[in-house]
Amino acid sequence: MANESKLSRRETRSRQILGATLRLVRDHGTSVSTAQIAAQANCSKETLYNWFDDRDGIFLALVDEQAKGMNAALTAGFGAATGSFAEKLRTYSTLLLDILTGDAVISVNRIAMSQTCLDSAKFGNAVLANWQEQVRAPFLKLLSEGRRAGDVEIEDVDDAFDTLVGLLIGDRQRRLLLGENARPSSADMMRIADRAVDRFMELFGA
């Protein structure tokens, strides 16, 4: 029990440190130092090095934490979605738009892009792996189920998913990465998702 309590405290503290890192990256970019992170998280640099090895370790842990949060949100949303294939796709698409335009994803993508430019591809690879596992895979499952049920006529579910993402996101994420306040409101997200799914069903509906 004591070990479990100690582990829980460490996990809680670790999330606080990663939250502090996320805020710094969001507000000041990816050039933040371990000293800045330690000050923001109200901990010592020694704690950071003991838990994460170095700044790259903190960034990679942030990528992993963001992926877990994304998976939890998608799992909850997918589990609650009901109705027809198109109705489920609208629910999923609204949720995906919310996730992909949120501060956490934008900040993590900035880290991956900036570090990849510095010849550190491990961040980009980690983000891509999380995208494949946490986002693409469940959508491909839904599209495959819709194809088997005769709801859509899709030859390649990968291409169909890419089409859906293009209809849904457009250039919003690029604009957000470049600093523009392009995050839609909740009401706008629903309208954007409805329009994207309507167009998707025009292309692929049975």
N, C-alpha and C. Protein backbone atom coordinates (compact mmCIF):
# COMPACT_ATOMS: atom_id res chain seq x y z
N MET A 1 0.83 -1.20 0.00
CA MET A 1 0.00 0.00 0.00
C MET A 1 0.87 1.26 0.00
N ALA A 2 1.93 1.25 0.79
CA ALA A 2 2.82 2.41 0.85
C ALA A 2 3.47 2.65 -0.49
N ASN A 3 3.90 1.55 -1.15
CA ASN A 3 4.52 1.69 -2.46
C ASN A 3 3.54 2.23 -3.49
N GLU A 4 2.26 1.76 -3.41
CA GLU A 4 1.24 2.27 -4.33
C GLU A 4 0.99 3.75 -4.11
N SER A 5 0.96 4.15 -2.83
CA SER A 5 0.74 5.56 -2.51
C SER A 5 1.91 6.41 -3.02
N LYS A 6 3.12 5.89 -2.85
CA LYS A 6 4.30 6.60 -3.32
C LYS A 6 4.29 6.74 -4.83
N LEU A 7 3.88 5.64 -5.52
CA LEU A 7 3.80 5.67 -6.98
C LEU A 7 2.75 6.66 -7.43
N SER A 8 1.60 6.69 -6.74
CA SER A 8 0.54 7.62 -7.09
C SER A 8 1.01 9.06 -6.93
N ARG A 9 1.72 9.35 -5.85
CA ARG A 9 2.23 10.70 -5.64
C ARG A 9 3.21 11.08 -6.74
N ARG A 10 4.05 10.12 -7.13
CA ARG A 10 5.03 10.41 -8.18
C ARG A 10 4.32 10.66 -9.51
N GLU A 11 3.30 9.86 -9.82
CA GLU A 11 2.56 10.05 -11.06
C GLU A 11 1.87 11.41 -11.08
N THR A 12 1.30 11.78 -9.93
CA THR A 12 0.64 13.09 -9.83
C THR A 12 1.64 14.21 -10.02
N ARG A 13 2.78 14.08 -9.38
CA ARG A 13 3.82 15.13 -9.49
C ARG A 13 4.37 15.19 -10.90
N SER A 14 4.53 14.01 -11.51
CA SER A 14 5.03 13.97 -12.88
C SER A 14 4.08 14.69 -13.83
N ARG A 15 2.78 14.47 -13.65
CA ARG A 15 1.79 15.15 -14.50
C ARG A 15 1.83 16.66 -14.28
N GLN A 16 2.08 17.07 -13.04
CA GLN A 16 2.19 18.51 -12.76
C GLN A 16 3.39 19.10 -13.50
N ILE A 17 4.49 18.38 -13.51
CA ILE A 17 5.69 18.85 -14.21
C ILE A 17 5.42 18.92 -15.72
N LEU A 18 4.76 17.90 -16.26
CA LEU A 18 4.46 17.90 -17.69
C LEU A 18 3.46 19.01 -18.03
N GLY A 19 2.52 19.27 -17.13
CA GLY A 19 1.58 20.37 -17.34
C GLY A 19 2.30 21.71 -17.36
N ALA A 20 3.27 21.86 -16.47
CA ALA A 20 4.07 23.09 -16.45
C ALA A 20 4.87 23.23 -17.74
N THR A 21 5.42 22.13 -18.21
CA THR A 21 6.18 22.14 -19.47
C THR A 21 5.28 22.55 -20.63
N LEU A 22 4.08 21.98 -20.65
CA LEU A 22 3.14 22.30 -21.71
C LEU A 22 2.81 23.79 -21.73
N ARG A 23 2.58 24.37 -20.56
CA ARG A 23 2.26 25.80 -20.49
C ARG A 23 3.44 26.64 -20.99
N LEU A 24 4.65 26.25 -20.63
CA LEU A 24 5.83 27.00 -21.07
C LEU A 24 6.00 26.93 -22.58
N VAL A 25 5.84 25.74 -23.14
CA VAL A 25 5.97 25.59 -24.59
C VAL A 25 4.88 26.38 -25.31
N ARG A 26 3.68 26.34 -24.77
CA ARG A 26 2.57 27.08 -25.38
C ARG A 26 2.84 28.58 -25.37
N ASP A 27 3.39 29.08 -24.27
CA ASP A 27 3.56 30.53 -24.10
C ASP A 27 4.88 31.06 -24.65
N HIS A 28 5.93 30.19 -24.66
CA HIS A 28 7.28 30.69 -24.98
C HIS A 28 7.99 29.90 -26.06
N GLY A 29 7.38 28.86 -26.59
CA GLY A 29 8.05 28.08 -27.62
C GLY A 29 8.88 26.95 -27.05
N THR A 30 9.60 26.28 -27.94
CA THR A 30 10.31 25.05 -27.56
C THR A 30 11.73 25.28 -27.07
N SER A 31 12.15 26.52 -26.94
CA SER A 31 13.50 26.80 -26.46
C SER A 31 13.58 26.86 -24.94
N VAL A 32 12.52 26.47 -24.26
CA VAL A 32 12.52 26.52 -22.80
C VAL A 32 13.60 25.60 -22.24
N SER A 33 14.14 25.98 -21.10
CA SER A 33 15.22 25.22 -20.48
C SER A 33 14.70 24.40 -19.31
N THR A 34 15.52 23.47 -18.84
CA THR A 34 15.15 22.69 -17.66
C THR A 34 15.02 23.60 -16.43
N ALA A 35 15.81 24.65 -16.38
CA ALA A 35 15.71 25.58 -15.25
C ALA A 35 14.34 26.27 -15.25
N GLN A 36 13.87 26.67 -16.43
CA GLN A 36 12.55 27.28 -16.53
C GLN A 36 11.45 26.28 -16.15
N ILE A 37 11.60 25.05 -16.62
CA ILE A 37 10.60 24.03 -16.29
C ILE A 37 10.57 23.78 -14.80
N ALA A 38 11.75 23.67 -14.18
CA ALA A 38 11.82 23.43 -12.75
C ALA A 38 11.18 24.57 -11.97
N ALA A 39 11.43 25.80 -12.40
CA ALA A 39 10.85 26.95 -11.71
C ALA A 39 9.33 26.97 -11.87
N GLN A 40 8.86 26.69 -13.08
CA GLN A 40 7.42 26.70 -13.34
C GLN A 40 6.72 25.59 -12.56
N ALA A 41 7.38 24.43 -12.43
CA ALA A 41 6.80 23.28 -11.74
C ALA A 41 7.09 23.28 -10.24
N ASN A 42 7.87 24.27 -9.79
CA ASN A 42 8.23 24.36 -8.37
C ASN A 42 8.91 23.09 -7.88
N CYS A 43 9.92 22.66 -8.64
CA CYS A 43 10.71 21.50 -8.23
C CYS A 43 12.18 21.77 -8.55
N SER A 44 13.06 20.90 -8.13
CA SER A 44 14.48 21.08 -8.38
C SER A 44 14.87 20.51 -9.74
N LYS A 45 15.96 21.01 -10.30
CA LYS A 45 16.47 20.44 -11.55
C LYS A 45 16.89 19.00 -11.33
N GLU A 46 17.35 18.68 -10.11
CA GLU A 46 17.75 17.31 -9.82
C GLU A 46 16.57 16.35 -9.96
N THR A 47 15.39 16.80 -9.54
CA THR A 47 14.19 15.96 -9.70
C THR A 47 13.92 15.70 -11.18
N LEU A 48 14.04 16.73 -11.98
CA LEU A 48 13.82 16.57 -13.42
C LEU A 48 14.79 15.56 -14.01
N TYR A 49 16.06 15.69 -13.65
CA TYR A 49 17.06 14.78 -14.21
C TYR A 49 16.88 13.36 -13.70
N ASN A 50 16.47 13.22 -12.45
CA ASN A 50 16.26 11.88 -11.89
C ASN A 50 15.07 11.18 -12.54
N TRP A 51 14.04 11.94 -12.86
CA TRP A 51 12.81 11.34 -13.40
C TRP A 51 12.81 11.26 -14.92
N PHE A 52 13.43 12.24 -15.59
CA PHE A 52 13.32 12.31 -17.04
C PHE A 52 14.66 12.30 -17.77
N ASP A 53 15.75 12.25 -17.06
CA ASP A 53 17.11 12.24 -17.63
C ASP A 53 17.54 13.62 -18.14
N ASP A 54 16.78 14.19 -19.06
CA ASP A 54 17.15 15.49 -19.62
C ASP A 54 15.91 16.16 -20.22
N ARG A 55 16.12 17.29 -20.89
CA ARG A 55 14.98 18.01 -21.45
C ARG A 55 14.28 17.19 -22.53
N ASP A 56 15.06 16.47 -23.32
CA ASP A 56 14.46 15.60 -24.33
C ASP A 56 13.55 14.56 -23.69
N GLY A 57 13.97 14.05 -22.54
CA GLY A 57 13.17 13.07 -21.82
C GLY A 57 11.85 13.67 -21.36
N ILE A 58 11.89 14.92 -20.92
CA ILE A 58 10.66 15.62 -20.50
C ILE A 58 9.73 15.79 -21.71
N PHE A 59 10.31 16.21 -22.83
CA PHE A 59 9.50 16.41 -24.04
C PHE A 59 8.87 15.09 -24.50
N LEU A 60 9.66 14.00 -24.47
CA LEU A 60 9.13 12.71 -24.90
C LEU A 60 8.03 12.23 -23.95
N ALA A 61 8.21 12.48 -22.66
CA ALA A 61 7.18 12.12 -21.69
C ALA A 61 5.91 12.95 -21.94
N LEU A 62 6.08 14.20 -22.35
CA LEU A 62 4.93 15.05 -22.67
C LEU A 62 4.19 14.52 -23.91
N VAL A 63 4.95 14.06 -24.91
CA VAL A 63 4.34 13.45 -26.08
C VAL A 63 3.51 12.23 -25.68
N ASP A 64 4.07 11.40 -24.80
CA ASP A 64 3.37 10.20 -24.36
C ASP A 64 2.14 10.54 -23.53
N GLU A 65 2.26 11.53 -22.66
CA GLU A 65 1.13 11.94 -21.83
C GLU A 65 0.00 12.51 -22.68
N GLN A 66 0.36 13.29 -23.69
CA GLN A 66 -0.65 13.85 -24.59
C GLN A 66 -1.36 12.74 -25.35
N ALA A 67 -0.61 11.72 -25.76
CA ALA A 67 -1.21 10.59 -26.49
C ALA A 67 -2.19 9.84 -25.60
N LYS A 68 -1.84 9.64 -24.34
CA LYS A 68 -2.74 8.96 -23.41
C LYS A 68 -4.03 9.76 -23.23
N GLY A 69 -3.90 11.07 -23.11
CA GLY A 69 -5.08 11.91 -22.96
C GLY A 69 -5.96 11.87 -24.20
N MET A 70 -5.32 11.87 -25.37
CA MET A 70 -6.06 11.80 -26.61
C MET A 70 -6.80 10.47 -26.71
N ASN A 71 -6.13 9.38 -26.35
CA ASN A 71 -6.75 8.06 -26.40
C ASN A 71 -7.93 7.97 -25.44
N ALA A 72 -7.76 8.53 -24.23
CA ALA A 72 -8.83 8.50 -23.24
C ALA A 72 -10.06 9.26 -23.74
N ALA A 73 -9.83 10.42 -24.36
CA ALA A 73 -10.94 11.23 -24.87
C ALA A 73 -11.66 10.51 -26.01
N LEU A 74 -10.88 9.93 -26.92
CA LEU A 74 -11.49 9.22 -28.04
C LEU A 74 -12.23 7.98 -27.58
N THR A 75 -11.64 7.25 -26.64
CA THR A 75 -12.28 6.03 -26.14
C THR A 75 -13.62 6.36 -25.49
N ALA A 76 -13.64 7.41 -24.68
CA ALA A 76 -14.88 7.81 -24.02
C ALA A 76 -15.92 8.26 -25.05
N GLY A 77 -15.49 9.04 -26.03
CA GLY A 77 -16.40 9.53 -27.04
C GLY A 77 -16.93 8.42 -27.93
N PHE A 78 -16.06 7.50 -28.31
CA PHE A 78 -16.47 6.40 -29.16
C PHE A 78 -17.44 5.49 -28.41
N GLY A 79 -17.19 5.29 -27.13
CA GLY A 79 -18.05 4.42 -26.35
C GLY A 79 -19.45 4.99 -26.14
N ALA A 80 -19.54 6.32 -26.15
CA ALA A 80 -20.83 6.98 -25.91
C ALA A 80 -21.61 7.23 -27.18
N ALA A 81 -20.97 7.13 -28.34
CA ALA A 81 -21.63 7.45 -29.60
C ALA A 81 -22.68 6.40 -29.95
N THR A 82 -23.83 6.87 -30.40
CA THR A 82 -24.92 5.97 -30.79
C THR A 82 -25.50 6.45 -32.12
N GLY A 83 -26.39 5.63 -32.66
CA GLY A 83 -27.08 6.01 -33.88
C GLY A 83 -26.51 5.35 -35.11
N SER A 84 -26.80 5.96 -36.26
CA SER A 84 -26.36 5.43 -37.54
C SER A 84 -24.86 5.63 -37.73
N PHE A 85 -24.34 5.04 -38.79
CA PHE A 85 -22.92 5.22 -39.13
C PHE A 85 -22.60 6.70 -39.27
N ALA A 86 -23.42 7.44 -40.02
CA ALA A 86 -23.17 8.86 -40.25
C ALA A 86 -23.23 9.65 -38.94
N GLU A 87 -24.16 9.30 -38.06
CA GLU A 87 -24.27 9.99 -36.77
C GLU A 87 -23.04 9.73 -35.90
N LYS A 88 -22.59 8.49 -35.90
CA LYS A 88 -21.36 8.18 -35.15
C LYS A 88 -20.17 8.94 -35.73
N LEU A 89 -20.11 8.98 -37.06
CA LEU A 89 -19.00 9.67 -37.71
C LEU A 89 -19.02 11.16 -37.38
N ARG A 90 -20.20 11.75 -37.25
CA ARG A 90 -20.28 13.16 -36.85
C ARG A 90 -19.75 13.35 -35.43
N THR A 91 -20.14 12.46 -34.53
CA THR A 91 -19.66 12.55 -33.15
C THR A 91 -18.15 12.40 -33.09
N TYR A 92 -17.63 11.40 -33.79
CA TYR A 92 -16.19 11.16 -33.79
C TYR A 92 -15.43 12.33 -34.41
N SER A 93 -15.98 12.88 -35.49
CA SER A 93 -15.30 13.96 -36.20
C SER A 93 -15.26 15.24 -35.36
N THR A 94 -16.35 15.54 -34.66
CA THR A 94 -16.36 16.70 -33.77
C THR A 94 -15.32 16.56 -32.69
N LEU A 95 -15.22 15.37 -32.13
CA LEU A 95 -14.24 15.09 -31.09
C LEU A 95 -12.82 15.22 -31.63
N LEU A 96 -12.60 14.69 -32.83
CA LEU A 96 -11.26 14.77 -33.43
C LEU A 96 -10.86 16.21 -33.70
N LEU A 97 -11.80 17.02 -34.20
CA LEU A 97 -11.50 18.43 -34.45
C LEU A 97 -11.15 19.15 -33.15
N ASP A 98 -11.87 18.84 -32.08
CA ASP A 98 -11.60 19.43 -30.77
C ASP A 98 -10.19 19.07 -30.31
N ILE A 99 -9.82 17.81 -30.46
CA ILE A 99 -8.50 17.34 -30.01
C ILE A 99 -7.39 17.98 -30.84
N LEU A 100 -7.54 17.94 -32.16
CA LEU A 100 -6.45 18.37 -33.04
C LEU A 100 -6.23 19.88 -33.04
N THR A 101 -7.20 20.65 -32.57
CA THR A 101 -7.01 22.10 -32.49
C THR A 101 -6.78 22.58 -31.06
N GLY A 102 -6.62 21.63 -30.13
CA GLY A 102 -6.39 21.98 -28.73
C GLY A 102 -4.95 22.34 -28.44
N ASP A 103 -4.74 23.04 -27.33
CA ASP A 103 -3.41 23.51 -26.95
C ASP A 103 -2.40 22.37 -26.83
N ALA A 104 -2.83 21.24 -26.25
CA ALA A 104 -1.89 20.15 -26.00
C ALA A 104 -1.32 19.60 -27.30
N VAL A 105 -2.18 19.30 -28.26
CA VAL A 105 -1.71 18.74 -29.53
C VAL A 105 -0.86 19.75 -30.29
N ILE A 106 -1.29 21.00 -30.32
CA ILE A 106 -0.52 22.02 -31.03
C ILE A 106 0.86 22.18 -30.41
N SER A 107 0.94 22.23 -29.09
CA SER A 107 2.23 22.39 -28.42
C SER A 107 3.14 21.20 -28.67
N VAL A 108 2.59 19.99 -28.58
CA VAL A 108 3.41 18.79 -28.82
C VAL A 108 3.88 18.75 -30.27
N ASN A 109 3.02 19.12 -31.20
CA ASN A 109 3.45 19.16 -32.61
C ASN A 109 4.55 20.18 -32.84
N ARG A 110 4.48 21.30 -32.13
CA ARG A 110 5.55 22.29 -32.25
C ARG A 110 6.87 21.72 -31.76
N ILE A 111 6.82 20.99 -30.66
CA ILE A 111 8.03 20.34 -30.15
C ILE A 111 8.59 19.39 -31.19
N ALA A 112 7.73 18.53 -31.74
CA ALA A 112 8.18 17.53 -32.71
C ALA A 112 8.79 18.21 -33.94
N MET A 113 8.15 19.26 -34.43
CA MET A 113 8.64 19.93 -35.63
C MET A 113 9.97 20.64 -35.37
N SER A 114 10.06 21.33 -34.25
CA SER A 114 11.28 22.09 -33.96
C SER A 114 12.46 21.16 -33.70
N GLN A 115 12.22 20.07 -32.97
CA GLN A 115 13.31 19.15 -32.65
C GLN A 115 13.72 18.34 -33.88
N THR A 116 12.77 18.03 -34.75
CA THR A 116 13.11 17.33 -35.99
C THR A 116 13.99 18.21 -36.87
N CYS A 117 13.71 19.50 -36.86
CA CYS A 117 14.56 20.44 -37.61
C CYS A 117 15.98 20.47 -37.06
N LEU A 118 16.14 20.08 -35.81
CA LEU A 118 17.47 20.03 -35.19
C LEU A 118 18.07 18.62 -35.27
N ASP A 119 17.59 17.83 -36.23
CA ASP A 119 18.09 16.47 -36.48
C ASP A 119 17.78 15.53 -35.33
N SER A 120 16.64 15.72 -34.69
CA SER A 120 16.21 14.80 -33.64
C SER A 120 14.84 14.25 -34.03
N ALA A 121 14.87 13.22 -34.89
CA ALA A 121 13.64 12.69 -35.47
C ALA A 121 12.82 11.88 -34.49
N LYS A 122 13.37 11.59 -33.31
CA LYS A 122 12.65 10.72 -32.37
C LYS A 122 11.33 11.35 -31.92
N PHE A 123 11.28 12.67 -31.87
CA PHE A 123 10.04 13.32 -31.45
C PHE A 123 8.98 13.19 -32.54
N GLY A 124 9.36 13.47 -33.77
CA GLY A 124 8.43 13.30 -34.87
C GLY A 124 7.96 11.87 -35.00
N ASN A 125 8.88 10.93 -34.83
CA ASN A 125 8.51 9.51 -34.91
C ASN A 125 7.53 9.14 -33.81
N ALA A 126 7.74 9.68 -32.61
CA ALA A 126 6.83 9.38 -31.49
C ALA A 126 5.44 9.94 -31.75
N VAL A 127 5.36 11.16 -32.27
CA VAL A 127 4.06 11.76 -32.57
C VAL A 127 3.35 10.98 -33.66
N LEU A 128 4.09 10.59 -34.70
CA LEU A 128 3.49 9.82 -35.79
C LEU A 128 3.00 8.46 -35.31
N ALA A 129 3.78 7.81 -34.46
CA ALA A 129 3.36 6.51 -33.93
C ALA A 129 2.09 6.65 -33.09
N ASN A 130 2.02 7.70 -32.29
CA ASN A 130 0.80 7.93 -31.49
C ASN A 130 -0.40 8.22 -32.38
N TRP A 131 -0.18 8.98 -33.45
CA TRP A 131 -1.27 9.27 -34.38
C TRP A 131 -1.82 7.98 -34.98
N GLN A 132 -0.91 7.11 -35.41
CA GLN A 132 -1.33 5.85 -36.03
C GLN A 132 -2.11 4.98 -35.05
N GLU A 133 -1.62 4.90 -33.83
CA GLU A 133 -2.21 3.99 -32.84
C GLU A 133 -3.44 4.57 -32.17
N GLN A 134 -3.37 5.84 -31.78
CA GLN A 134 -4.42 6.41 -30.95
C GLN A 134 -5.55 7.05 -31.74
N VAL A 135 -5.30 7.48 -32.96
CA VAL A 135 -6.32 8.19 -33.73
C VAL A 135 -6.69 7.44 -35.00
N ARG A 136 -5.71 7.18 -35.83
CA ARG A 136 -6.02 6.57 -37.12
C ARG A 136 -6.67 5.19 -36.96
N ALA A 137 -6.12 4.36 -36.08
CA ALA A 137 -6.61 2.98 -35.94
C ALA A 137 -8.10 2.91 -35.59
N PRO A 138 -8.60 3.66 -34.58
CA PRO A 138 -10.03 3.57 -34.28
C PRO A 138 -10.92 4.10 -35.40
N PHE A 139 -10.45 5.11 -36.13
CA PHE A 139 -11.24 5.61 -37.25
C PHE A 139 -11.27 4.59 -38.39
N LEU A 140 -10.15 3.93 -38.63
CA LEU A 140 -10.12 2.90 -39.67
C LEU A 140 -11.06 1.76 -39.31
N LYS A 141 -11.14 1.46 -38.02
CA LYS A 141 -12.07 0.41 -37.58
C LYS A 141 -13.50 0.81 -37.88
N LEU A 142 -13.87 2.05 -37.58
CA LEU A 142 -15.23 2.52 -37.85
C LEU A 142 -15.52 2.49 -39.34
N LEU A 143 -14.59 2.96 -40.16
CA LEU A 143 -14.81 2.98 -41.60
C LEU A 143 -14.93 1.57 -42.17
N SER A 144 -14.13 0.66 -41.63
CA SER A 144 -14.21 -0.74 -42.08
C SER A 144 -15.55 -1.36 -41.70
N GLU A 145 -16.03 -1.04 -40.49
CA GLU A 145 -17.34 -1.54 -40.07
C GLU A 145 -18.45 -0.97 -40.95
N GLY A 146 -18.34 0.30 -41.31
CA GLY A 146 -19.33 0.91 -42.18
C GLY A 146 -19.32 0.29 -43.57
N ARG A 147 -18.14 -0.06 -44.05
CA ARG A 147 -18.04 -0.71 -45.36
C ARG A 147 -18.69 -2.09 -45.33
N ARG A 148 -18.40 -2.85 -44.27
CA ARG A 148 -18.99 -4.20 -44.16
C ARG A 148 -20.51 -4.14 -44.04
N ALA A 149 -21.01 -3.11 -43.37
CA ALA A 149 -22.47 -2.97 -43.18
C ALA A 149 -23.16 -2.38 -44.41
N GLY A 150 -22.38 -1.94 -45.40
CA GLY A 150 -22.97 -1.36 -46.59
C GLY A 150 -23.34 0.10 -46.45
N ASP A 151 -22.85 0.76 -45.41
CA ASP A 151 -23.15 2.18 -45.21
C ASP A 151 -22.33 3.08 -46.14
N VAL A 152 -21.14 2.61 -46.48
CA VAL A 152 -20.26 3.38 -47.36
C VAL A 152 -19.61 2.44 -48.37
N GLU A 153 -19.24 3.01 -49.51
CA GLU A 153 -18.54 2.26 -50.54
C GLU A 153 -17.11 2.78 -50.59
N ILE A 154 -16.23 2.09 -49.91
CA ILE A 154 -14.84 2.52 -49.76
C ILE A 154 -13.92 1.42 -50.26
N GLU A 155 -13.02 1.76 -51.18
CA GLU A 155 -12.02 0.79 -51.63
C GLU A 155 -10.84 0.74 -50.67
N ASP A 156 -10.38 1.90 -50.24
CA ASP A 156 -9.20 1.99 -49.37
C ASP A 156 -9.56 2.84 -48.15
N VAL A 157 -9.64 2.21 -46.99
CA VAL A 157 -10.05 2.95 -45.78
C VAL A 157 -9.01 3.98 -45.38
N ASP A 158 -7.74 3.73 -45.67
CA ASP A 158 -6.70 4.72 -45.35
C ASP A 158 -6.91 6.00 -46.15
N ASP A 159 -7.16 5.84 -47.44
CA ASP A 159 -7.42 7.03 -48.28
C ASP A 159 -8.69 7.74 -47.84
N ALA A 160 -9.70 6.96 -47.46
CA ALA A 160 -10.96 7.57 -47.02
C ALA A 160 -10.75 8.37 -45.74
N PHE A 161 -9.95 7.84 -44.82
CA PHE A 161 -9.68 8.57 -43.58
C PHE A 161 -8.93 9.86 -43.88
N ASP A 162 -7.94 9.80 -44.77
CA ASP A 162 -7.20 11.01 -45.13
C ASP A 162 -8.13 12.05 -45.73
N THR A 163 -9.10 11.61 -46.53
CA THR A 163 -10.08 12.53 -47.11
C THR A 163 -10.91 13.18 -46.02
N LEU A 164 -11.36 12.38 -45.05
CA LEU A 164 -12.16 12.92 -43.94
C LEU A 164 -11.37 13.96 -43.16
N VAL A 165 -10.12 13.66 -42.84
CA VAL A 165 -9.30 14.61 -42.08
C VAL A 165 -9.12 15.90 -42.87
N GLY A 166 -8.90 15.80 -44.18
CA GLY A 166 -8.76 17.00 -45.00
C GLY A 166 -10.02 17.84 -44.99
N LEU A 167 -11.18 17.19 -45.10
CA LEU A 167 -12.45 17.91 -45.07
C LEU A 167 -12.68 18.55 -43.70
N LEU A 168 -12.24 17.89 -42.68
CA LEU A 168 -12.51 18.34 -41.31
C LEU A 168 -11.55 19.43 -40.84
N ILE A 169 -10.28 19.23 -41.08
CA ILE A 169 -9.25 20.12 -40.52
C ILE A 169 -8.88 21.24 -41.47
N GLY A 170 -8.81 20.93 -42.77
CA GLY A 170 -8.37 21.94 -43.71
C GLY A 170 -6.99 22.45 -43.34
N ASP A 171 -6.82 23.77 -43.31
CA ASP A 171 -5.52 24.33 -42.95
C ASP A 171 -5.51 24.87 -41.52
N ARG A 172 -6.51 24.50 -40.72
CA ARG A 172 -6.63 25.07 -39.37
C ARG A 172 -5.42 24.74 -38.50
N GLN A 173 -4.97 23.48 -38.55
CA GLN A 173 -3.86 23.12 -37.68
C GLN A 173 -2.58 23.85 -38.09
N ARG A 174 -2.35 24.00 -39.39
CA ARG A 174 -1.18 24.76 -39.84
C ARG A 174 -1.24 26.19 -39.33
N ARG A 175 -2.42 26.80 -39.40
CA ARG A 175 -2.56 28.18 -38.92
C ARG A 175 -2.34 28.26 -37.42
N LEU A 176 -2.83 27.28 -36.69
CA LEU A 176 -2.61 27.25 -35.24
C LEU A 176 -1.14 27.08 -34.92
N LEU A 177 -0.45 26.22 -35.66
CA LEU A 177 0.98 26.01 -35.44
C LEU A 177 1.77 27.29 -35.69
N LEU A 178 1.27 28.10 -36.59
CA LEU A 178 1.95 29.36 -36.91
C LEU A 178 1.52 30.51 -36.01
N GLY A 179 0.66 30.20 -35.02
CA GLY A 179 0.33 31.21 -34.03
C GLY A 179 -1.00 31.91 -34.20
N GLU A 180 -1.74 31.57 -35.25
CA GLU A 180 -3.04 32.21 -35.45
C GLU A 180 -4.07 31.59 -34.50
N ASN A 181 -4.97 32.41 -34.01
CA ASN A 181 -6.04 31.92 -33.14
C ASN A 181 -7.16 31.35 -34.02
N ALA A 182 -6.94 30.12 -34.51
CA ALA A 182 -7.87 29.51 -35.47
C ALA A 182 -8.69 28.39 -34.86
N ARG A 183 -8.70 28.28 -33.53
CA ARG A 183 -9.48 27.22 -32.89
C ARG A 183 -10.96 27.57 -32.92
N PRO A 184 -11.80 26.71 -33.51
CA PRO A 184 -13.23 27.01 -33.59
C PRO A 184 -13.90 26.94 -32.22
N SER A 185 -15.03 27.61 -32.08
CA SER A 185 -15.83 27.47 -30.87
C SER A 185 -16.51 26.10 -30.90
N SER A 186 -17.10 25.71 -29.78
CA SER A 186 -17.78 24.41 -29.71
C SER A 186 -18.89 24.31 -30.74
N ALA A 187 -19.67 25.38 -30.88
CA ALA A 187 -20.76 25.38 -31.86
C ALA A 187 -20.21 25.29 -33.28
N ASP A 188 -19.12 26.02 -33.53
CA ASP A 188 -18.52 25.97 -34.86
C ASP A 188 -17.95 24.59 -35.16
N MET A 189 -17.40 23.94 -34.14
CA MET A 189 -16.87 22.59 -34.35
C MET A 189 -17.95 21.64 -34.82
N MET A 190 -19.12 21.74 -34.24
CA MET A 190 -20.22 20.87 -34.64
C MET A 190 -20.64 21.16 -36.08
N ARG A 191 -20.69 22.44 -36.43
CA ARG A 191 -21.07 22.80 -37.80
C ARG A 191 -20.02 22.33 -38.80
N ILE A 192 -18.75 22.50 -38.44
CA ILE A 192 -17.66 22.07 -39.33
C ILE A 192 -17.69 20.55 -39.51
N ALA A 193 -17.90 19.83 -38.42
CA ALA A 193 -17.96 18.37 -38.50
C ALA A 193 -19.16 17.91 -39.32
N ASP A 194 -20.31 18.56 -39.12
CA ASP A 194 -21.50 18.21 -39.90
C ASP A 194 -21.23 18.39 -41.39
N ARG A 195 -20.63 19.51 -41.75
CA ARG A 195 -20.36 19.79 -43.16
C ARG A 195 -19.34 18.79 -43.73
N ALA A 196 -18.31 18.48 -42.95
CA ALA A 196 -17.29 17.53 -43.41
C ALA A 196 -17.89 16.14 -43.63
N VAL A 197 -18.73 15.69 -42.71
CA VAL A 197 -19.34 14.37 -42.84
C VAL A 197 -20.34 14.35 -43.99
N ASP A 198 -21.08 15.44 -44.19
CA ASP A 198 -22.01 15.51 -45.32
C ASP A 198 -21.23 15.34 -46.64
N ARG A 199 -20.12 16.02 -46.74
CA ARG A 199 -19.31 15.93 -47.97
C ARG A 199 -18.69 14.53 -48.10
N PHE A 200 -18.27 13.98 -46.96
CA PHE A 200 -17.70 12.63 -46.96
C PHE A 200 -18.73 11.62 -47.46
N MET A 201 -19.95 11.74 -46.97
CA MET A 201 -21.00 10.80 -47.36
C MET A 201 -21.41 11.00 -48.82
N GLU A 202 -21.30 12.22 -49.33
CA GLU A 202 -21.55 12.45 -50.75
C GLU A 202 -20.53 11.69 -51.60
N LEU A 203 -19.31 11.62 -51.10
CA LEU A 203 -18.25 10.93 -51.84
C LEU A 203 -18.31 9.42 -51.68
N PHE A 204 -18.63 8.96 -50.48
CA PHE A 204 -18.48 7.53 -50.18
C PHE A 204 -19.79 6.83 -49.77
N GLY A 205 -20.87 7.58 -49.61
CA GLY A 205 -22.11 6.97 -49.16
C GLY A 205 -22.63 5.92 -50.15
N ALA A 206 -23.16 4.85 -49.61
CA ALA A 206 -23.67 3.76 -50.46
C ALA A 206 -24.97 4.16 -51.13
